[in-house]
Amino acid sequence: MRALELSDLPWPDLGAVGGWWNRRFDPEVDLVGADRAPVANRIHFAGSIKWLNGPFDDRDLADLRRAANEVPGLDPAVAGLVVVSLSGADITGDVALSWGPDDVVGAWRQ
């Protein structure tokens, strides 16, 4: 939400960011952006945070796509995918937003 206040994100009516998981905790989606909380009318994105020594790769992106499809109310034809990674991203697929550590820290410095 701090980034929402200080950054130019591609979702102007974004009102809430949280995570989502089912009762089995499989899958777990680190980031879900919606128009409002606690009950959203529209899901804008689903995202993954990988704070590891290796880059976010195509296998991670495939996992995110599968998990995002299970988020109630998320329309994969409209919602974007978000990647936050310590070591960057090495992916061939499109994502709506990709942040590294400088972006995360920068949101708090503004």
PDB file of N, CA and C in Angstrom:
ATOM      1  N   MET A   1       0.826  -1.183   0.000  1.00  0.00           N
ATOM      2  CA  MET A   1       0.000   0.000   0.000  1.00  0.00           C
ATOM      3  C   MET A   1       0.876   1.255   0.000  1.00  0.00           C
ATOM      4  N   ARG A   2       2.061   1.157   0.609  1.00  0.00           N
ATOM      5  CA  ARG A   2       2.973   2.304   0.591  1.00  0.00           C
ATOM      6  C   ARG A   2       3.357   2.641  -0.855  1.00  0.00           C
ATOM      7  N   ALA A   3       3.635   1.628  -1.641  1.00  0.00           N
ATOM      8  CA  ALA A   3       3.970   1.844  -3.044  1.00  0.00           C
ATOM      9  C   ALA A   3       2.799   2.467  -3.792  1.00  0.00           C
ATOM     10  N   LEU A   4       1.605   2.084  -3.447  1.00  0.00           N
ATOM     11  CA  LEU A   4       0.414   2.647  -4.076  1.00  0.00           C
ATOM     12  C   LEU A   4       0.343   4.149  -3.843  1.00  0.00           C
ATOM     13  N   GLU A   5       0.678   4.590  -2.644  1.00  0.00           N
ATOM     14  CA  GLU A   5       0.618   6.001  -2.300  1.00  0.00           C
ATOM     15  C   GLU A   5       1.699   6.817  -3.008  1.00  0.00           C
ATOM     16  N   LEU A   6       2.840   6.197  -3.280  1.00  0.00           N
ATOM     17  CA  LEU A   6       3.995   6.959  -3.743  1.00  0.00           C
ATOM     18  C   LEU A   6       4.453   6.653  -5.156  1.00  0.00           C
ATOM     19  N   SER A   7       3.904   5.656  -5.776  1.00  0.00           N
ATOM     20  CA  SER A   7       4.385   5.242  -7.089  1.00  0.00           C
ATOM     21  C   SER A   7       3.296   5.368  -8.140  1.00  0.00           C
ATOM     22  N   ASP A   8       3.725   5.345  -9.370  1.00  0.00           N
ATOM     23  CA  ASP A   8       2.812   5.387 -10.496  1.00  0.00           C
ATOM     24  C   ASP A   8       2.532   3.952 -10.934  1.00  0.00           C
ATOM     25  N   LEU A   9       1.591   3.307 -10.263  1.00  0.00           N
ATOM     26  CA  LEU A   9       1.253   1.927 -10.580  1.00  0.00           C
ATOM     27  C   LEU A   9       0.190   1.895 -11.674  1.00  0.00           C
ATOM     28  N   PRO A  10       0.130   0.816 -12.447  1.00  0.00           N
ATOM     29  CA  PRO A  10      -0.800   0.766 -13.579  1.00  0.00           C
ATOM     30  C   PRO A  10      -2.262   0.487 -13.214  1.00  0.00           C
ATOM     31  N   TRP A  11      -2.619   0.595 -11.932  1.00  0.00           N
ATOM     32  CA  TRP A  11      -3.988   0.344 -11.503  1.00  0.00           C
ATOM     33  C   TRP A  11      -4.479   1.549 -10.701  1.00  0.00           C
ATOM     34  N   PRO A  12      -5.065   2.558 -11.355  1.00  0.00           N
ATOM     35  CA  PRO A  12      -5.422   3.791 -10.659  1.00  0.00           C
ATOM     36  C   PRO A  12      -6.467   3.614  -9.552  1.00  0.00           C
ATOM     37  N   ASP A  13      -7.338   2.629  -9.665  1.00  0.00           N
ATOM     38  CA  ASP A  13      -8.345   2.449  -8.614  1.00  0.00           C
ATOM     39  C   ASP A  13      -7.984   1.325  -7.640  1.00  0.00           C
ATOM     40  N   LEU A  14      -6.702   0.983  -7.571  1.00  0.00           N
ATOM     41  CA  LEU A  14      -6.232  -0.006  -6.600  1.00  0.00           C
ATOM     42  C   LEU A  14      -6.470   0.538  -5.199  1.00  0.00           C
ATOM     43  N   GLY A  15      -7.145  -0.237  -4.371  1.00  0.00           N
ATOM     44  CA  GLY A  15      -7.474   0.227  -3.031  1.00  0.00           C
ATOM     45  C   GLY A  15      -6.991  -0.666  -1.915  1.00  0.00           C
ATOM     46  N   ALA A  16      -6.566  -1.878  -2.248  1.00  0.00           N
ATOM     47  CA  ALA A  16      -6.136  -2.813  -1.211  1.00  0.00           C
ATOM     48  C   ALA A  16      -5.155  -3.821  -1.799  1.00  0.00           C
ATOM     49  N   VAL A  17      -4.162  -4.172  -1.002  1.00  0.00           N
ATOM     50  CA  VAL A  17      -3.202  -5.198  -1.396  1.00  0.00           C
ATOM     51  C   VAL A  17      -3.058  -6.164  -0.222  1.00  0.00           C
ATOM     52  N   GLY A  18      -3.131  -7.434  -0.506  1.00  0.00           N
ATOM     53  CA  GLY A  18      -2.974  -8.466   0.517  1.00  0.00           C
ATOM     54  C   GLY A  18      -2.489  -9.736  -0.136  1.00  0.00           C
ATOM     55  N   GLY A  19      -2.649 -10.831   0.544  1.00  0.00           N
ATOM     56  CA  GLY A  19      -2.312 -12.140   0.014  1.00  0.00           C
ATOM     57  C   GLY A  19      -3.549 -13.021   0.007  1.00  0.00           C
ATOM     58  N   TRP A  20      -3.426 -14.195  -0.590  1.00  0.00           N
ATOM     59  CA  TRP A  20      -4.551 -15.131  -0.625  1.00  0.00           C
ATOM     60  C   TRP A  20      -4.019 -16.553  -0.593  1.00  0.00           C
ATOM     61  N   TRP A  21      -4.739 -17.427   0.097  1.00  0.00           N
ATOM     62  CA  TRP A  21      -4.457 -18.853   0.090  1.00  0.00           C
ATOM     63  C   TRP A  21      -5.752 -19.576   0.392  1.00  0.00           C
ATOM     64  N   ASN A  22      -5.816 -20.827  -0.028  1.00  0.00           N
ATOM     65  CA  ASN A  22      -6.995 -21.631   0.260  1.00  0.00           C
ATOM     66  C   ASN A  22      -6.809 -22.360   1.594  1.00  0.00           C
ATOM     67  N   ARG A  23      -7.729 -23.187   1.952  1.00  0.00           N
ATOM     68  CA  ARG A  23      -7.663 -23.882   3.255  1.00  0.00           C
ATOM     69  C   ARG A  23      -6.533 -24.897   3.340  1.00  0.00           C
ATOM     70  N   ARG A  24      -6.024 -25.327   2.219  1.00  0.00           N
ATOM     71  CA  ARG A  24      -4.894 -26.274   2.194  1.00  0.00           C
ATOM     72  C   ARG A  24      -3.550 -25.544   2.148  1.00  0.00           C
ATOM     73  N   PHE A  25      -3.597 -24.222   2.042  1.00  0.00           N
ATOM     74  CA  PHE A  25      -2.395 -23.399   1.864  1.00  0.00           C
ATOM     75  C   PHE A  25      -1.631 -23.793   0.608  1.00  0.00           C
ATOM     76  N   ASP A  26      -2.381 -24.250  -0.398  1.00  0.00           N
ATOM     77  CA  ASP A  26      -1.796 -24.638  -1.668  1.00  0.00           C
ATOM     78  C   ASP A  26      -2.803 -24.341  -2.767  1.00  0.00           C
ATOM     79  N   PRO A  27      -2.671 -23.281  -3.458  1.00  0.00           N
ATOM     80  CA  PRO A  27      -1.515 -22.398  -3.524  1.00  0.00           C
ATOM     81  C   PRO A  27      -1.607 -21.255  -2.514  1.00  0.00           C
ATOM     82  N   GLU A  28      -0.491 -20.579  -2.365  1.00  0.00           N
ATOM     83  CA  GLU A  28      -0.422 -19.329  -1.622  1.00  0.00           C
ATOM     84  C   GLU A  28       0.001 -18.246  -2.608  1.00  0.00           C
ATOM     85  N   VAL A  29      -0.759 -17.185  -2.657  1.00  0.00           N
ATOM     86  CA  VAL A  29      -0.445 -16.062  -3.546  1.00  0.00           C
ATOM     87  C   VAL A  29      -0.002 -14.907  -2.655  1.00  0.00           C
ATOM     88  N   ASP A  30       1.239 -14.478  -2.837  1.00  0.00           N
ATOM     89  CA  ASP A  30       1.833 -13.468  -1.960  1.00  0.00           C
ATOM     90  C   ASP A  30       1.152 -12.112  -2.066  1.00  0.00           C
ATOM     91  N   LEU A  31       0.779 -11.719  -3.265  1.00  0.00           N
ATOM     92  CA  LEU A  31       0.212 -10.396  -3.502  1.00  0.00           C
ATOM     93  C   LEU A  31      -1.073 -10.502  -4.308  1.00  0.00           C
ATOM     94  N   VAL A  32      -2.109  -9.867  -3.815  1.00  0.00           N
ATOM     95  CA  VAL A  32      -3.360  -9.741  -4.557  1.00  0.00           C
ATOM     96  C   VAL A  32      -3.782  -8.285  -4.435  1.00  0.00           C
ATOM     97  N   GLY A  33      -3.944  -7.632  -5.561  1.00  0.00           N
ATOM     98  CA  GLY A  33      -4.363  -6.232  -5.577  1.00  0.00           C
ATOM     99  C   GLY A  33      -5.807  -6.135  -6.008  1.00  0.00           C
ATOM    100  N   ALA A  34      -6.592  -5.397  -5.238  1.00  0.00           N
ATOM    101  CA  ALA A  34      -8.029  -5.285  -5.502  1.00  0.00           C
ATOM    102  C   ALA A  34      -8.473  -3.832  -5.409  1.00  0.00           C
ATOM    103  N   ASP A  35      -9.690  -3.588  -5.843  1.00  0.00           N
ATOM    104  CA  ASP A  35     -10.232  -2.237  -5.784  1.00  0.00           C
ATOM    105  C   ASP A  35     -10.595  -1.824  -4.366  1.00  0.00           C
ATOM    106  N   ARG A  36     -10.910  -2.784  -3.510  1.00  0.00           N
ATOM    107  CA  ARG A  36     -11.265  -2.462  -2.131  1.00  0.00           C
ATOM    108  C   ARG A  36     -11.185  -3.715  -1.270  1.00  0.00           C
ATOM    109  N   ALA A  37     -11.245  -3.507   0.034  1.00  0.00           N
ATOM    110  CA  ALA A  37     -11.247  -4.611   0.995  1.00  0.00           C
ATOM    111  C   ALA A  37     -12.345  -4.336   2.024  1.00  0.00           C
ATOM    112  N   PRO A  38     -12.880  -5.308   2.684  1.00  0.00           N
ATOM    113  CA  PRO A  38     -12.442  -6.694   2.735  1.00  0.00           C
ATOM    114  C   PRO A  38     -12.991  -7.566   1.605  1.00  0.00           C
ATOM    115  N   VAL A  39     -14.035  -7.105   0.911  1.00  0.00           N
ATOM    116  CA  VAL A  39     -14.584  -7.880  -0.204  1.00  0.00           C
ATOM    117  C   VAL A  39     -14.419  -7.061  -1.475  1.00  0.00           C
ATOM    118  N   ALA A  40     -13.653  -7.590  -2.398  1.00  0.00           N
ATOM    119  CA  ALA A  40     -13.325  -6.863  -3.621  1.00  0.00           C
ATOM    120  C   ALA A  40     -14.416  -6.998  -4.667  1.00  0.00           C
ATOM    121  N   ASN A  41     -14.567  -5.943  -5.444  1.00  0.00           N
ATOM    122  CA  ASN A  41     -15.396  -6.021  -6.651  1.00  0.00           C
ATOM    123  C   ASN A  41     -14.555  -6.458  -7.840  1.00  0.00           C
ATOM    124  N   ARG A  42     -13.278  -6.047  -7.831  1.00  0.00           N
ATOM    125  CA  ARG A  42     -12.397  -6.350  -8.963  1.00  0.00           C
ATOM    126  C   ARG A  42     -10.995  -6.665  -8.464  1.00  0.00           C
ATOM    127  N   ILE A  43     -10.429  -7.731  -8.987  1.00  0.00           N
ATOM    128  CA  ILE A  43      -9.045  -8.101  -8.691  1.00  0.00           C
ATOM    129  C   ILE A  43      -8.186  -7.575  -9.840  1.00  0.00           C
ATOM    130  N   HIS A  44      -7.195  -6.748  -9.502  1.00  0.00           N
ATOM    131  CA  HIS A  44      -6.339  -6.142 -10.521  1.00  0.00           C
ATOM    132  C   HIS A  44      -5.103  -6.981 -10.838  1.00  0.00           C
ATOM    133  N   PHE A  45      -4.546  -7.644  -9.823  1.00  0.00           N
ATOM    134  CA  PHE A  45      -3.345  -8.431 -10.069  1.00  0.00           C
ATOM    135  C   PHE A  45      -3.152  -9.500  -9.008  1.00  0.00           C
ATOM    136  N   ALA A  46      -2.333 -10.468  -9.381  1.00  0.00           N
ATOM    137  CA  ALA A  46      -1.820 -11.477  -8.450  1.00  0.00           C
ATOM    138  C   ALA A  46      -0.313 -11.472  -8.617  1.00  0.00           C
ATOM    139  N   GLY A  47       0.399 -11.663  -7.519  1.00  0.00           N
ATOM    140  CA  GLY A  47       1.848 -11.577  -7.615  1.00  0.00           C
ATOM    141  C   GLY A  47       2.573 -12.515  -6.683  1.00  0.00           C
ATOM    142  N   SER A  48       3.861 -12.623  -6.947  1.00  0.00           N
ATOM    143  CA  SER A  48       4.731 -13.512  -6.180  1.00  0.00           C
ATOM    144  C   SER A  48       5.966 -12.739  -5.731  1.00  0.00           C
ATOM    145  N   ILE A  49       6.391 -13.020  -4.510  1.00  0.00           N
ATOM    146  CA  ILE A  49       7.622 -12.452  -3.974  1.00  0.00           C
ATOM    147  C   ILE A  49       8.623 -13.586  -3.821  1.00  0.00           C
ATOM    148  N   LYS A  50       9.756 -13.463  -4.457  1.00  0.00           N
ATOM    149  CA  LYS A  50      10.846 -14.444  -4.350  1.00  0.00           C
ATOM    150  C   LYS A  50      12.083 -13.711  -3.870  1.00  0.00           C
ATOM    151  N   TRP A  51      12.417 -13.869  -2.621  1.00  0.00           N
ATOM    152  CA  TRP A  51      13.563 -13.180  -2.032  1.00  0.00           C
ATOM    153  C   TRP A  51      14.689 -14.192  -1.882  1.00  0.00           C
ATOM    154  N   LEU A  52      15.156 -14.693  -3.028  1.00  0.00           N
ATOM    155  CA  LEU A  52      16.168 -15.744  -3.077  1.00  0.00           C
ATOM    156  C   LEU A  52      17.382 -15.269  -3.866  1.00  0.00           C
ATOM    157  N   ASN A  53      18.449 -16.046  -3.840  1.00  0.00           N
ATOM    158  CA  ASN A  53      19.674 -15.689  -4.557  1.00  0.00           C
ATOM    159  C   ASN A  53      19.575 -15.863  -6.067  1.00  0.00           C
ATOM    160  N   GLY A  54      18.621 -16.639  -6.543  1.00  0.00           N
ATOM    161  CA  GLY A  54      18.453 -16.830  -7.980  1.00  0.00           C
ATOM    162  C   GLY A  54      17.308 -15.992  -8.515  1.00  0.00           C
ATOM    163  N   PRO A  55      17.319 -15.672  -9.807  1.00  0.00           N
ATOM    164  CA  PRO A  55      16.255 -14.843 -10.383  1.00  0.00           C
ATOM    165  C   PRO A  55      14.919 -15.571 -10.447  1.00  0.00           C
ATOM    166  N   PHE A  56      13.870 -14.799 -10.493  1.00  0.00           N
ATOM    167  CA  PHE A  56      12.524 -15.298 -10.750  1.00  0.00           C
ATOM    168  C   PHE A  56      12.538 -15.794 -12.184  1.00  0.00           C
ATOM    169  N   ASP A  57      12.188 -17.066 -12.402  1.00  0.00           N
ATOM    170  CA  ASP A  57      12.328 -17.644 -13.741  1.00  0.00           C
ATOM    171  C   ASP A  57      10.983 -18.102 -14.309  1.00  0.00           C
ATOM    172  N   ASP A  58      11.035 -18.711 -15.485  1.00  0.00           N
ATOM    173  CA  ASP A  58       9.811 -19.152 -16.159  1.00  0.00           C
ATOM    174  C   ASP A  58       9.053 -20.210 -15.352  1.00  0.00           C
ATOM    175  N   ARG A  59       9.765 -21.028 -14.611  1.00  0.00           N
ATOM    176  CA  ARG A  59       9.086 -22.023 -13.754  1.00  0.00           C
ATOM    177  C   ARG A  59       8.294 -21.308 -12.664  1.00  0.00           C
ATOM    178  N   ASP A  60       8.897 -20.274 -12.060  1.00  0.00           N
ATOM    179  CA  ASP A  60       8.197 -19.481 -11.050  1.00  0.00           C
ATOM    180  C   ASP A  60       6.983 -18.776 -11.653  1.00  0.00           C
ATOM    181  N   LEU A  61       7.143 -18.266 -12.870  1.00  0.00           N
ATOM    182  CA  LEU A  61       6.039 -17.587 -13.540  1.00  0.00           C
ATOM    183  C   LEU A  61       4.899 -18.562 -13.833  1.00  0.00           C
ATOM    184  N   ALA A  62       5.211 -19.760 -14.261  1.00  0.00           N
ATOM    185  CA  ALA A  62       4.176 -20.775 -14.502  1.00  0.00           C
ATOM    186  C   ALA A  62       3.439 -21.109 -13.197  1.00  0.00           C
ATOM    187  N   ASP A  63       4.183 -21.217 -12.107  1.00  0.00           N
ATOM    188  CA  ASP A  63       3.561 -21.464 -10.795  1.00  0.00           C
ATOM    189  C   ASP A  63       2.629 -20.322 -10.418  1.00  0.00           C
ATOM    190  N   LEU A  64       3.064 -19.092 -10.659  1.00  0.00           N
ATOM    191  CA  LEU A  64       2.230 -17.931 -10.350  1.00  0.00           C
ATOM    192  C   LEU A  64       0.959 -17.939 -11.186  1.00  0.00           C
ATOM    193  N   ARG A  65       1.075 -18.240 -12.468  1.00  0.00           N
ATOM    194  CA  ARG A  65      -0.120 -18.288 -13.335  1.00  0.00           C
ATOM    195  C   ARG A  65      -1.131 -19.310 -12.826  1.00  0.00           C
ATOM    196  N   ARG A  66      -0.641 -20.501 -12.463  1.00  0.00           N
ATOM    197  CA  ARG A  66      -1.536 -21.544 -11.941  1.00  0.00           C
ATOM    198  C   ARG A  66      -2.203 -21.098 -10.647  1.00  0.00           C
ATOM    199  N   ALA A  67      -1.430 -20.513  -9.752  1.00  0.00           N
ATOM    200  CA  ALA A  67      -1.975 -20.067  -8.466  1.00  0.00           C
ATOM    201  C   ALA A  67      -2.976 -18.939  -8.659  1.00  0.00           C
ATOM    202  N   ALA A  68      -2.659 -17.993  -9.540  1.00  0.00           N
ATOM    203  CA  ALA A  68      -3.546 -16.852  -9.769  1.00  0.00           C
ATOM    204  C   ALA A  68      -4.913 -17.299 -10.263  1.00  0.00           C
ATOM    205  N   ASN A  69      -4.952 -18.350 -11.058  1.00  0.00           N
ATOM    206  CA  ASN A  69      -6.224 -18.858 -11.573  1.00  0.00           C
ATOM    207  C   ASN A  69      -7.153 -19.345 -10.479  1.00  0.00           C
ATOM    208  N   GLU A  70      -6.637 -19.610  -9.302  1.00  0.00           N
ATOM    209  CA  GLU A  70      -7.468 -20.083  -8.197  1.00  0.00           C
ATOM    210  C   GLU A  70      -7.976 -18.968  -7.298  1.00  0.00           C
ATOM    211  N   VAL A  71      -7.478 -17.755  -7.468  1.00  0.00           N
ATOM    212  CA  VAL A  71      -7.930 -16.636  -6.638  1.00  0.00           C
ATOM    213  C   VAL A  71      -9.365 -16.296  -7.035  1.00  0.00           C
ATOM    214  N   PRO A  72     -10.295 -16.367  -6.075  1.00  0.00           N
ATOM    215  CA  PRO A  72     -11.696 -16.070  -6.402  1.00  0.00           C
ATOM    216  C   PRO A  72     -11.861 -14.655  -6.960  1.00  0.00           C
ATOM    217  N   GLY A  73     -12.560 -14.562  -8.082  1.00  0.00           N
ATOM    218  CA  GLY A  73     -12.838 -13.268  -8.686  1.00  0.00           C
ATOM    219  C   GLY A  73     -11.774 -12.761  -9.639  1.00  0.00           C
ATOM    220  N   LEU A  74     -10.645 -13.425  -9.713  1.00  0.00           N
ATOM    221  CA  LEU A  74      -9.590 -12.985 -10.625  1.00  0.00           C
ATOM    222  C   LEU A  74      -9.905 -13.465 -12.036  1.00  0.00           C
ATOM    223  N   ASP A  75      -9.931 -12.527 -12.956  1.00  0.00           N
ATOM    224  CA  ASP A  75     -10.142 -12.840 -14.366  1.00  0.00           C
ATOM    225  C   ASP A  75      -8.777 -12.802 -15.050  1.00  0.00           C
ATOM    226  N   PRO A  76      -8.224 -13.962 -15.437  1.00  0.00           N
ATOM    227  CA  PRO A  76      -6.882 -13.979 -16.028  1.00  0.00           C
ATOM    228  C   PRO A  76      -6.773 -13.201 -17.338  1.00  0.00           C
ATOM    229  N   ALA A  77      -7.888 -12.938 -17.993  1.00  0.00           N
ATOM    230  CA  ALA A  77      -7.853 -12.156 -19.228  1.00  0.00           C
ATOM    231  C   ALA A  77      -7.674 -10.665 -18.947  1.00  0.00           C
ATOM    232  N   VAL A  78      -7.932 -10.247 -17.721  1.00  0.00           N
ATOM    233  CA  VAL A  78      -7.885  -8.830 -17.372  1.00  0.00           C
ATOM    234  C   VAL A  78      -6.814  -8.527 -16.326  1.00  0.00           C
ATOM    235  N   ALA A  79      -6.676  -9.391 -15.342  1.00  0.00           N
ATOM    236  CA  ALA A  79      -5.743  -9.145 -14.229  1.00  0.00           C
ATOM    237  C   ALA A  79      -4.299  -9.325 -14.670  1.00  0.00           C
ATOM    238  N   GLY A  80      -3.432  -8.521 -14.083  1.00  0.00           N
ATOM    239  CA  GLY A  80      -2.011  -8.608 -14.377  1.00  0.00           C
ATOM    240  C   GLY A  80      -1.282  -9.519 -13.404  1.00  0.00           C
ATOM    241  N   LEU A  81      -0.040  -9.817 -13.738  1.00  0.00           N
ATOM    242  CA  LEU A  81       0.839 -10.568 -12.852  1.00  0.00           C
ATOM    243  C   LEU A  81       1.959  -9.642 -12.392  1.00  0.00           C
ATOM    244  N   VAL A  82       2.321  -9.782 -11.118  1.00  0.00           N
ATOM    245  CA  VAL A  82       3.342  -8.941 -10.510  1.00  0.00           C
ATOM    246  C   VAL A  82       4.441  -9.832  -9.957  1.00  0.00           C
ATOM    247  N   VAL A  83       5.683  -9.440 -10.211  1.00  0.00           N
ATOM    248  CA  VAL A  83       6.855 -10.169  -9.731  1.00  0.00           C
ATOM    249  C   VAL A  83       7.683  -9.224  -8.871  1.00  0.00           C
ATOM    250  N   VAL A  84       8.021  -9.677  -7.665  1.00  0.00           N
ATOM    251  CA  VAL A  84       8.935  -8.951  -6.784  1.00  0.00           C
ATOM    252  C   VAL A  84      10.054  -9.926  -6.447  1.00  0.00           C
ATOM    253  N   SER A  85      11.289  -9.574  -6.813  1.00  0.00           N
ATOM    254  CA  SER A  85      12.388 -10.526  -6.675  1.00  0.00           C
ATOM    255  C   SER A  85      13.674  -9.834  -6.238  1.00  0.00           C
ATOM    256  N   LEU A  86      14.353 -10.447  -5.299  1.00  0.00           N
ATOM    257  CA  LEU A  86      15.645  -9.955  -4.842  1.00  0.00           C
ATOM    258  C   LEU A  86      16.675  -9.983  -5.967  1.00  0.00           C
ATOM    259  N   SER A  87      16.622 -11.023  -6.790  1.00  0.00           N
ATOM    260  CA  SER A  87      17.662 -11.257  -7.791  1.00  0.00           C
ATOM    261  C   SER A  87      17.203 -11.016  -9.219  1.00  0.00           C
ATOM    262  N   GLY A  88      16.170 -10.218  -9.400  1.00  0.00           N
ATOM    263  CA  GLY A  88      15.705  -9.919 -10.739  1.00  0.00           C
ATOM    264  C   GLY A  88      14.838 -11.011 -11.321  1.00  0.00           C
ATOM    265  N   ALA A  89      14.488 -10.839 -12.573  1.00  0.00           N
ATOM    266  CA  ALA A  89      13.622 -11.784 -13.268  1.00  0.00           C
ATOM    267  C   ALA A  89      14.267 -12.205 -14.577  1.00  0.00           C
ATOM    268  N   ASP A  90      14.231 -13.498 -14.829  1.00  0.00           N
ATOM    269  CA  ASP A  90      14.723 -14.065 -16.080  1.00  0.00           C
ATOM    270  C   ASP A  90      13.566 -14.860 -16.677  1.00  0.00           C
ATOM    271  N   ILE A  91      12.612 -14.123 -17.266  1.00  0.00           N
ATOM    272  CA  ILE A  91      11.383 -14.743 -17.762  1.00  0.00           C
ATOM    273  C   ILE A  91      11.132 -14.347 -19.207  1.00  0.00           C
ATOM    274  N   THR A  92      10.425 -15.220 -19.913  1.00  0.00           N
ATOM    275  CA  THR A  92      10.069 -14.935 -21.294  1.00  0.00           C
ATOM    276  C   THR A  92       8.628 -14.465 -21.410  1.00  0.00           C
ATOM    277  N   GLY A  93       7.810 -14.664 -20.376  1.00  0.00           N
ATOM    278  CA  GLY A  93       6.417 -14.228 -20.404  1.00  0.00           C
ATOM    279  C   GLY A  93       6.262 -12.798 -19.949  1.00  0.00           C
ATOM    280  N   ASP A  94       5.106 -12.226 -20.258  1.00  0.00           N
ATOM    281  CA  ASP A  94       4.817 -10.853 -19.881  1.00  0.00           C
ATOM    282  C   ASP A  94       4.286 -10.778 -18.450  1.00  0.00           C
ATOM    283  N   VAL A  95       4.705  -9.742 -17.751  1.00  0.00           N
ATOM    284  CA  VAL A  95       4.144  -9.419 -16.450  1.00  0.00           C
ATOM    285  C   VAL A  95       3.787  -7.931 -16.466  1.00  0.00           C
ATOM    286  N   ALA A  96       2.823  -7.553 -15.644  1.00  0.00           N
ATOM    287  CA  ALA A  96       2.388  -6.162 -15.593  1.00  0.00           C
ATOM    288  C   ALA A  96       3.376  -5.285 -14.845  1.00  0.00           C
ATOM    289  N   LEU A  97       4.084  -5.882 -13.875  1.00  0.00           N
ATOM    290  CA  LEU A  97       4.996  -5.117 -13.042  1.00  0.00           C
ATOM    291  C   LEU A  97       6.059  -6.053 -12.491  1.00  0.00           C
ATOM    292  N   SER A  98       7.300  -5.615 -12.543  1.00  0.00           N
ATOM    293  CA  SER A  98       8.408  -6.389 -11.978  1.00  0.00           C
ATOM    294  C   SER A  98       9.242  -5.448 -11.122  1.00  0.00           C
ATOM    295  N   TRP A  99       9.365  -5.771  -9.855  1.00  0.00           N
ATOM    296  CA  TRP A  99      10.121  -4.938  -8.919  1.00  0.00           C
ATOM    297  C   TRP A  99      11.288  -5.706  -8.348  1.00  0.00           C
ATOM    298  N   GLY A 100      12.372  -5.000  -8.141  1.00  0.00           N
ATOM    299  CA  GLY A 100      13.542  -5.529  -7.457  1.00  0.00           C
ATOM    300  C   GLY A 100      13.703  -4.836  -6.116  1.00  0.00           C
ATOM    301  N   PRO A 101      14.806  -5.104  -5.425  1.00  0.00           N
ATOM    302  CA  PRO A 101      14.999  -4.533  -4.094  1.00  0.00           C
ATOM    303  C   PRO A 101      15.050  -3.008  -4.090  1.00  0.00           C
ATOM    304  N   ASP A 102      15.627  -2.401  -5.125  1.00  0.00           N
ATOM    305  CA  ASP A 102      15.687  -0.939  -5.172  1.00  0.00           C
ATOM    306  C   ASP A 102      14.294  -0.317  -5.245  1.00  0.00           C
ATOM    307  N   ASP A 103      13.387  -0.976  -5.959  1.00  0.00           N
ATOM    308  CA  ASP A 103      12.011  -0.484  -6.052  1.00  0.00           C
ATOM    309  C   ASP A 103      11.300  -0.572  -4.702  1.00  0.00           C
ATOM    310  N   VAL A 104      11.503  -1.683  -4.021  1.00  0.00           N
ATOM    311  CA  VAL A 104      10.864  -1.875  -2.715  1.00  0.00           C
ATOM    312  C   VAL A 104      11.367  -0.843  -1.715  1.00  0.00           C
ATOM    313  N   VAL A 105      12.688  -0.715  -1.616  1.00  0.00           N
ATOM    314  CA  VAL A 105      13.269   0.248  -0.681  1.00  0.00           C
ATOM    315  C   VAL A 105      12.909   1.674  -1.094  1.00  0.00           C
ATOM    316  N   GLY A 106      12.914   1.938  -2.391  1.00  0.00           N
ATOM    317  CA  GLY A 106      12.577   3.272  -2.877  1.00  0.00           C
ATOM    318  C   GLY A 106      11.190   3.723  -2.491  1.00  0.00           C
ATOM    319  N   ALA A 107      10.234   2.801  -2.439  1.00  0.00           N
ATOM    320  CA  ALA A 107       8.873   3.151  -2.030  1.00  0.00           C
ATOM    321  C   ALA A 107       8.849   3.651  -0.594  1.00  0.00           C
ATOM    322  N   TRP A 108       9.764   3.185   0.232  1.00  0.00           N
ATOM    323  CA  TRP A 108       9.808   3.602   1.635  1.00  0.00           C
ATOM    324  C   TRP A 108      10.625   4.861   1.834  1.00  0.00           C
ATOM    325  N   ARG A 109      11.488   5.185   0.886  1.00  0.00           N
ATOM    326  CA  ARG A 109      12.338   6.376   1.024  1.00  0.00           C
ATOM    327  C   ARG A 109      11.643   7.640   0.554  1.00  0.00           C
ATOM    328  N   GLN A 110      10.620   7.511  -0.251  1.00  0.00           N
ATOM    329  CA  GLN A 110       9.961   8.700  -0.814  1.00  0.00           C
ATOM    330  C   GLN A 110       9.160   9.430   0.240  1.00  0.00           C
TER     331      GLN A 110
END
